Structures are given as C-alpha cells and as structure tokens.
Amino acid sequence: PGTGGGGGGLLSSGSERRCRARLAAGGRRGTAAAAA
C-alpha cells in the first residue's frame, strides 16, 4: 500500500480527488465545525 497504482499510489491525483470529495462531504455533515 502506498507504492503501487502508478503515479504515487496513495498520494496520486486520483487518490487526492477521492479524499477531497470525502472530506468535503464530511464538512457538509458538520464534521469540520469551528474548533478551538
């Protein structure tokens, strides 16, 4: 994990798009509320 998949694996552009979408969905559910 993390080395395969071509172009950087876990940090590839495809992985970035998937992670950004998941994090944005979490924010819409209120998981990214203001913190101290």
PDB file of all heavy atoms in Angstrom:
ATOM      1  N   PRO A   1       0.827  -1.204   0.000  1.00  0.00           N
ATOM      2  CA  PRO A   1       0.000   0.000   0.000  1.00  0.00           C
ATOM      3  C   PRO A   1       0.855   1.245   0.000  1.00  0.00           C
ATOM      4  O   PRO A   1       1.813   1.353   0.763  1.00  0.00           O
ATOM      5  CB  PRO A   1      -0.796  -0.133   1.313  1.00  0.00           C
ATOM      6  CG  PRO A   1      -0.810  -1.590   1.610  1.00  0.00           C
ATOM      7  CD  PRO A   1       0.498  -2.116   1.113  1.00  0.00           C
ATOM      8  N   GLY A   2       0.493   2.177  -0.868  1.00  0.00           N
ATOM      9  CA  GLY A   2       1.180   3.449  -0.879  1.00  0.00           C
ATOM     10  C   GLY A   2       2.247   3.566  -1.932  1.00  0.00           C
ATOM     11  O   GLY A   2       2.717   4.657  -2.223  1.00  0.00           O
ATOM     12  N   THR A   3       2.655   2.420  -2.541  1.00  0.00           N
ATOM     13  CA  THR A   3       3.712   2.488  -3.539  1.00  0.00           C
ATOM     14  C   THR A   3       3.230   2.103  -4.910  1.00  0.00           C
ATOM     15  O   THR A   3       3.848   2.450  -5.901  1.00  0.00           O
ATOM     16  CB  THR A   3       4.893   1.579  -3.155  1.00  0.00           C
ATOM     17  OG1 THR A   3       4.435   0.231  -3.079  1.00  0.00           O
ATOM     18  CG2 THR A   3       5.467   1.980  -1.807  1.00  0.00           C
ATOM     19  N   GLY A   4       2.153   1.350  -4.988  1.00  0.00           N
ATOM     20  CA  GLY A   4       1.675   0.871  -6.273  1.00  0.00           C
ATOM     21  C   GLY A   4       0.635   1.796  -6.858  1.00  0.00           C
ATOM     22  O   GLY A   4       0.390   2.901  -6.405  1.00  0.00           O
ATOM     23  N   GLY A   5       0.019   1.348  -7.919  1.00  0.00           N
ATOM     24  CA  GLY A   5      -1.084   2.084  -8.511  1.00  0.00           C
ATOM     25  C   GLY A   5      -0.646   3.109  -9.511  1.00  0.00           C
ATOM     26  O   GLY A   5      -1.457   3.764 -10.154  1.00  0.00           O
ATOM     27  N   GLY A   6       0.687   3.298  -9.710  1.00  0.00           N
ATOM     28  CA  GLY A   6       1.178   4.235 -10.705  1.00  0.00           C
ATOM     29  C   GLY A   6       1.006   5.662 -10.267  1.00  0.00           C
ATOM     30  O   GLY A   6      -0.028   6.078  -9.773  1.00  0.00           O
ATOM     31  N   GLY A   7       2.029   6.456 -10.440  1.00  0.00           N
ATOM     32  CA  GLY A   7       1.929   7.882 -10.182  1.00  0.00           C
ATOM     33  C   GLY A   7       1.813   8.257  -8.722  1.00  0.00           C
ATOM     34  O   GLY A   7       1.279   9.305  -8.379  1.00  0.00           O
ATOM     35  N   GLY A   8       2.274   7.385  -7.818  1.00  0.00           N
ATOM     36  CA  GLY A   8       2.336   7.812  -6.422  1.00  0.00           C
ATOM     37  C   GLY A   8       1.381   7.100  -5.503  1.00  0.00           C
ATOM     38  O   GLY A   8       1.379   7.336  -4.312  1.00  0.00           O
ATOM     39  N   GLY A   9       0.534   6.192  -6.008  1.00  0.00           N
ATOM     40  CA  GLY A   9      -0.299   5.392  -5.132  1.00  0.00           C
ATOM     41  C   GLY A   9      -1.223   6.226  -4.274  1.00  0.00           C
ATOM     42  O   GLY A   9      -2.114   6.909  -4.770  1.00  0.00           O
ATOM     43  N   LEU A  10      -1.004   6.210  -2.955  1.00  0.00           N
ATOM     44  CA  LEU A  10      -1.904   6.876  -2.018  1.00  0.00           C
ATOM     45  C   LEU A  10      -1.920   8.385  -2.174  1.00  0.00           C
ATOM     46  O   LEU A  10      -2.858   9.032  -1.721  1.00  0.00           O
ATOM     47  CB  LEU A  10      -1.508   6.511  -0.586  1.00  0.00           C
ATOM     48  CG  LEU A  10      -1.609   5.034  -0.220  1.00  0.00           C
ATOM     49  CD1 LEU A  10      -1.153   4.807   1.203  1.00  0.00           C
ATOM     50  CD2 LEU A  10      -3.027   4.516  -0.417  1.00  0.00           C
ATOM     51  N   LEU A  11      -0.898   8.956  -2.790  1.00  0.00           N
ATOM     52  CA  LEU A  11      -0.859  10.403  -2.993  1.00  0.00           C
ATOM     53  C   LEU A  11      -1.054  10.769  -4.470  1.00  0.00           C
ATOM     54  O   LEU A  11      -0.744  11.894  -4.868  1.00  0.00           O
ATOM     55  CB  LEU A  11       0.470  10.991  -2.476  1.00  0.00           C
ATOM     56  CG  LEU A  11       0.774  10.752  -0.996  1.00  0.00           C
ATOM     57  CD1 LEU A  11       2.034  11.503  -0.598  1.00  0.00           C
ATOM     58  CD2 LEU A  11      -0.395  11.170  -0.121  1.00  0.00           C
ATOM     59  N   SER A  12      -1.557   9.848  -5.268  1.00  0.00           N
ATOM     60  CA  SER A  12      -1.797  10.115  -6.682  1.00  0.00           C
ATOM     61  C   SER A  12      -2.919  11.130  -6.849  1.00  0.00           C
ATOM     62  O   SER A  12      -3.681  11.412  -5.917  1.00  0.00           O
ATOM     63  CB  SER A  12      -2.162   8.825  -7.414  1.00  0.00           C
ATOM     64  OG  SER A  12      -3.422   8.355  -6.967  1.00  0.00           O
ATOM     65  N   SER A  13      -3.054  11.667  -8.047  1.00  0.00           N
ATOM     66  CA  SER A  13      -4.124  12.633  -8.310  1.00  0.00           C
ATOM     67  C   SER A  13      -5.497  12.005  -8.116  1.00  0.00           C
ATOM     68  O   SER A  13      -6.424  12.660  -7.628  1.00  0.00           O
ATOM     69  CB  SER A  13      -3.986  13.198  -9.724  1.00  0.00           C
ATOM     70  OG  SER A  13      -4.021  12.155 -10.687  1.00  0.00           O
ATOM     71  N   GLY A  14      -5.629  10.722  -8.472  1.00  0.00           N
ATOM     72  CA  GLY A  14      -6.903  10.046  -8.258  1.00  0.00           C
ATOM     73  C   GLY A  14      -7.240   9.906  -6.789  1.00  0.00           C
ATOM     74  O   GLY A  14      -8.378  10.114  -6.373  1.00  0.00           O
ATOM     75  N   SER A  15      -6.240   9.539  -5.980  1.00  0.00           N
ATOM     76  CA  SER A  15      -6.449   9.433  -4.541  1.00  0.00           C
ATOM     77  C   SER A  15      -6.781  10.794  -3.948  1.00  0.00           C
ATOM     78  O   SER A  15      -7.662  10.911  -3.083  1.00  0.00           O
ATOM     79  CB  SER A  15      -5.192   8.864  -3.877  1.00  0.00           C
ATOM     80  OG  SER A  15      -5.333   8.815  -2.478  1.00  0.00           O
ATOM     81  N   GLU A  16      -6.100  11.831  -4.410  1.00  0.00           N
ATOM     82  CA  GLU A  16      -6.384  13.179  -3.920  1.00  0.00           C
ATOM     83  C   GLU A  16      -7.832  13.579  -4.205  1.00  0.00           C
ATOM     84  O   GLU A  16      -8.522  14.118  -3.322  1.00  0.00           O
ATOM     85  CB  GLU A  16      -5.435  14.188  -4.545  1.00  0.00           C
ATOM     86  CG  GLU A  16      -5.718  15.621  -4.109  1.00  0.00           C
ATOM     87  CD  GLU A  16      -4.761  16.634  -4.708  1.00  0.00           C
ATOM     88  OE1 GLU A  16      -3.739  16.218  -5.289  1.00  0.00           O
ATOM     89  OE2 GLU A  16      -5.032  17.844  -4.586  1.00  0.00           O
ATOM     90  N   ARG A  17      -8.302  13.322  -5.411  1.00  0.00           N
ATOM     91  CA  ARG A  17      -9.688  13.677  -5.752  1.00  0.00           C
ATOM     92  C   ARG A  17     -10.673  12.936  -4.858  1.00  0.00           C
ATOM     93  O   ARG A  17     -11.653  13.525  -4.364  1.00  0.00           O
ATOM     94  CB  ARG A  17      -9.964  13.359  -7.221  1.00  0.00           C
ATOM     95  CG  ARG A  17      -9.316  14.319  -8.208  1.00  0.00           C
ATOM     96  CD  ARG A  17      -9.877  14.137  -9.607  1.00  0.00           C
ATOM     97  NE  ARG A  17      -9.610  12.794 -10.136  1.00  0.00           N
ATOM     98  CZ  ARG A  17      -8.527  12.462 -10.818  1.00  0.00           C
ATOM     99  NH1 ARG A  17      -7.587  13.359 -11.046  1.00  0.00           N
ATOM    100  NH2 ARG A  17      -8.371  11.232 -11.271  1.00  0.00           N
ATOM    101  N   ARG A  18     -10.421  11.641  -4.628  1.00  0.00           N
ATOM    102  CA  ARG A  18     -11.323  10.855  -3.787  1.00  0.00           C
ATOM    103  C   ARG A  18     -11.315  11.375  -2.354  1.00  0.00           C
ATOM    104  O   ARG A  18     -12.384  11.522  -1.738  1.00  0.00           O
ATOM    105  CB  ARG A  18     -10.897   9.379  -3.822  1.00  0.00           C
ATOM    106  CG  ARG A  18     -11.763   8.471  -2.945  1.00  0.00           C
ATOM    107  CD  ARG A  18     -11.209   7.068  -2.904  1.00  0.00           C
ATOM    108  NE  ARG A  18      -9.847   7.032  -2.383  1.00  0.00           N
ATOM    109  CZ  ARG A  18      -9.547   7.103  -1.094  1.00  0.00           C
ATOM    110  NH1 ARG A  18     -10.512   7.252  -0.184  1.00  0.00           N
ATOM    111  NH2 ARG A  18      -8.294   7.050  -0.698  1.00  0.00           N
ATOM    112  N   CYS A  19     -10.139  11.660  -1.834  1.00  0.00           N
ATOM    113  CA  CYS A  19     -10.044  12.132  -0.454  1.00  0.00           C
ATOM    114  C   CYS A  19     -10.672  13.511  -0.293  1.00  0.00           C
ATOM    115  O   CYS A  19     -11.367  13.776   0.697  1.00  0.00           O
ATOM    116  CB  CYS A  19      -8.591  12.156  -0.003  1.00  0.00           C
ATOM    117  SG  CYS A  19      -7.824  10.525   0.175  1.00  0.00           S
ATOM    118  N   ARG A  20     -10.418  14.393  -1.245  1.00  0.00           N
ATOM    119  CA  ARG A  20     -11.023  15.724  -1.175  1.00  0.00           C
ATOM    120  C   ARG A  20     -12.547  15.631  -1.167  1.00  0.00           C
ATOM    121  O   ARG A  20     -13.220  16.348  -0.400  1.00  0.00           O
ATOM    122  CB  ARG A  20     -10.550  16.579  -2.345  1.00  0.00           C
ATOM    123  CG  ARG A  20      -9.140  17.154  -2.209  1.00  0.00           C
ATOM    124  CD  ARG A  20      -8.777  17.988  -3.422  1.00  0.00           C
ATOM    125  NE  ARG A  20      -7.459  18.583  -3.342  1.00  0.00           N
ATOM    126  CZ  ARG A  20      -7.186  19.783  -2.854  1.00  0.00           C
ATOM    127  NH1 ARG A  20      -8.182  20.532  -2.376  1.00  0.00           N
ATOM    128  NH2 ARG A  20      -5.951  20.264  -2.835  1.00  0.00           N
ATOM    129  N   ALA A  21     -13.090  14.756  -2.004  1.00  0.00           N
ATOM    130  CA  ALA A  21     -14.546  14.611  -2.064  1.00  0.00           C
ATOM    131  C   ALA A  21     -15.088  14.068  -0.750  1.00  0.00           C
ATOM    132  O   ALA A  21     -16.119  14.543  -0.242  1.00  0.00           O
ATOM    133  CB  ALA A  21     -14.931  13.692  -3.224  1.00  0.00           C
ATOM    134  N   ARG A  22     -14.395  13.099  -0.164  1.00  0.00           N
ATOM    135  CA  ARG A  22     -14.866  12.535   1.099  1.00  0.00           C
ATOM    136  C   ARG A  22     -14.778  13.548   2.231  1.00  0.00           C
ATOM    137  O   ARG A  22     -15.685  13.651   3.060  1.00  0.00           O
ATOM    138  CB  ARG A  22     -14.049  11.285   1.432  1.00  0.00           C
ATOM    139  CG  ARG A  22     -14.485  10.630   2.726  1.00  0.00           C
ATOM    140  CD  ARG A  22     -13.812   9.308   2.941  1.00  0.00           C
ATOM    141  NE  ARG A  22     -14.067   8.813   4.289  1.00  0.00           N
ATOM    142  CZ  ARG A  22     -13.497   7.732   4.810  1.00  0.00           C
ATOM    143  NH1 ARG A  22     -12.672   7.022   4.078  1.00  0.00           N
ATOM    144  NH2 ARG A  22     -13.774   7.367   6.041  1.00  0.00           N
ATOM    145  N   LEU A  23     -13.677  14.303   2.266  1.00  0.00           N
ATOM    146  CA  LEU A  23     -13.534  15.316   3.311  1.00  0.00           C
ATOM    147  C   LEU A  23     -14.553  16.430   3.154  1.00  0.00           C
ATOM    148  O   LEU A  23     -15.096  16.941   4.141  1.00  0.00           O
ATOM    149  CB  LEU A  23     -12.113  15.887   3.281  1.00  0.00           C
ATOM    150  CG  LEU A  23     -11.008  14.916   3.703  1.00  0.00           C
ATOM    151  CD1 LEU A  23      -9.646  15.488   3.365  1.00  0.00           C
ATOM    152  CD2 LEU A  23     -11.102  14.571   5.178  1.00  0.00           C
ATOM    153  N   ALA A  24     -14.842  16.811   1.913  1.00  0.00           N
ATOM    154  CA  ALA A  24     -15.855  17.843   1.684  1.00  0.00           C
ATOM    155  C   ALA A  24     -17.227  17.350   2.122  1.00  0.00           C
ATOM    156  O   ALA A  24     -18.011  18.105   2.704  1.00  0.00           O
ATOM    157  CB  ALA A  24     -15.881  18.231   0.212  1.00  0.00           C
ATOM    158  N   ALA A  25     -17.521  16.078   1.866  1.00  0.00           N
ATOM    159  CA  ALA A  25     -18.805  15.516   2.304  1.00  0.00           C
ATOM    160  C   ALA A  25     -18.888  15.500   3.819  1.00  0.00           C
ATOM    161  O   ALA A  25     -19.936  15.789   4.403  1.00  0.00           O
ATOM    162  CB  ALA A  25     -18.974  14.099   1.748  1.00  0.00           C
ATOM    163  N   GLY A  26     -17.792  15.202   4.484  1.00  0.00           N
ATOM    164  CA  GLY A  26     -17.771  15.240   5.945  1.00  0.00           C
ATOM    165  C   GLY A  26     -18.018  16.632   6.461  1.00  0.00           C
ATOM    166  O   GLY A  26     -18.722  16.834   7.458  1.00  0.00           O
ATOM    167  N   GLY A  27     -17.452  17.641   5.773  1.00  0.00           N
ATOM    168  CA  GLY A  27     -17.687  19.025   6.171  1.00  0.00           C
ATOM    169  C   GLY A  27     -19.138  19.420   6.042  1.00  0.00           C
ATOM    170  O   GLY A  27     -19.691  20.133   6.872  1.00  0.00           O
ATOM    171  N   ARG A  28     -19.788  18.925   4.986  1.00  0.00           N
ATOM    172  CA  ARG A  28     -21.210  19.250   4.806  1.00  0.00           C
ATOM    173  C   ARG A  28     -22.063  18.617   5.886  1.00  0.00           C
ATOM    174  O   ARG A  28     -23.149  19.095   6.202  1.00  0.00           O
ATOM    175  CB  ARG A  28     -21.670  18.785   3.418  1.00  0.00           C
ATOM    176  CG  ARG A  28     -21.134  19.641   2.279  1.00  0.00           C
ATOM    177  CD  ARG A  28     -21.856  19.344   0.989  1.00  0.00           C
ATOM    178  NE  ARG A  28     -21.604  18.002   0.504  1.00  0.00           N
ATOM    179  CZ  ARG A  28     -20.611  17.681  -0.321  1.00  0.00           C
ATOM    180  NH1 ARG A  28     -19.752  18.611  -0.708  1.00  0.00           N
ATOM    181  NH2 ARG A  28     -20.442  16.451  -0.749  1.00  0.00           N
ATOM    182  N   ARG A  29     -21.572  17.504   6.460  1.00  0.00           N
ATOM    183  CA  ARG A  29     -22.317  16.874   7.554  1.00  0.00           C
ATOM    184  C   ARG A  29     -21.990  17.521   8.895  1.00  0.00           C
ATOM    185  O   ARG A  29     -22.479  17.082   9.932  1.00  0.00           O
ATOM    186  CB  ARG A  29     -21.974  15.376   7.621  1.00  0.00           C
ATOM    187  CG  ARG A  29     -22.496  14.579   6.431  1.00  0.00           C
ATOM    188  CD  ARG A  29     -22.434  13.097   6.739  1.00  0.00           C
ATOM    189  NE  ARG A  29     -21.081  12.645   7.022  1.00  0.00           N
ATOM    190  CZ  ARG A  29     -20.229  12.203   6.113  1.00  0.00           C
ATOM    191  NH1 ARG A  29     -20.570  12.196   4.833  1.00  0.00           N
ATOM    192  NH2 ARG A  29     -19.008  11.798   6.465  1.00  0.00           N
ATOM    193  N   GLY A  30     -21.119  18.528   8.875  1.00  0.00           N
ATOM    194  CA  GLY A  30     -20.826  19.243  10.114  1.00  0.00           C
ATOM    195  C   GLY A  30     -19.628  18.735  10.863  1.00  0.00           C
ATOM    196  O   GLY A  30     -19.356  19.164  11.979  1.00  0.00           O
ATOM    197  N   THR A  31     -18.830  17.823  10.276  1.00  0.00           N
ATOM    198  CA  THR A  31     -17.673  17.290  10.989  1.00  0.00           C
ATOM    199  C   THR A  31     -16.514  18.263  10.995  1.00  0.00           C
ATOM    200  O   THR A  31     -15.533  18.054  11.702  1.00  0.00           O
ATOM    201  CB  THR A  31     -17.219  15.966  10.353  1.00  0.00           C
ATOM    202  OG1 THR A  31     -16.926  16.203   8.960  1.00  0.00           O
ATOM    203  CG2 THR A  31     -18.307  14.924  10.461  1.00  0.00           C
ATOM    204  N   ALA A  32     -16.578  19.314  10.206  1.00  0.00           N
ATOM    205  CA  ALA A  32     -15.481  20.287  10.148  1.00  0.00           C
ATOM    206  C   ALA A  32     -15.883  21.589  10.828  1.00  0.00           C
ATOM    207  O   ALA A  32     -15.555  22.682  10.382  1.00  0.00           O
ATOM    208  CB  ALA A  32     -15.077  20.532   8.700  1.00  0.00           C
ATOM    209  N   ALA A  33     -16.617  21.476  11.903  1.00  0.00           N
ATOM    210  CA  ALA A  33     -17.091  22.666  12.608  1.00  0.00           C
ATOM    211  C   ALA A  33     -15.911  23.425  13.212  1.00  0.00           C
ATOM    212  O   ALA A  33     -14.824  22.898  13.382  1.00  0.00           O
ATOM    213  CB  ALA A  33     -18.049  22.240  13.721  1.00  0.00           C
ATOM    214  N   ALA A  34     -16.160  24.693  13.551  1.00  0.00           N
ATOM    215  CA  ALA A  34     -15.111  25.522  14.136  1.00  0.00           C
ATOM    216  C   ALA A  34     -14.587  24.869  15.411  1.00  0.00           C
ATOM    217  O   ALA A  34     -15.333  24.311  16.211  1.00  0.00           O
ATOM    218  CB  ALA A  34     -15.655  26.909  14.425  1.00  0.00           C
ATOM    219  N   ALA A  35     -13.263  24.938  15.590  1.00  0.00           N
ATOM    220  CA  ALA A  35     -12.628  24.316  16.742  1.00  0.00           C
ATOM    221  C   ALA A  35     -11.725  25.334  17.421  1.00  0.00           C
ATOM    222  O   ALA A  35     -11.350  26.348  16.838  1.00  0.00           O
ATOM    223  CB  ALA A  35     -11.830  23.090  16.316  1.00  0.00           C
ATOM    224  N   ALA A  36     -11.363  25.046  18.671  1.00  0.00           N
ATOM    225  CA  ALA A  36     -10.517  25.957  19.433  1.00  0.00           C
ATOM    226  C   ALA A  36      -9.052  25.854  19.028  1.00  0.00           C
ATOM    227  O   ALA A  36      -8.259  26.735  19.328  1.00  0.00           O
ATOM    228  CB  ALA A  36     -10.656  25.651  20.923  1.00  0.00           C
TER     229      ALA A  36
END
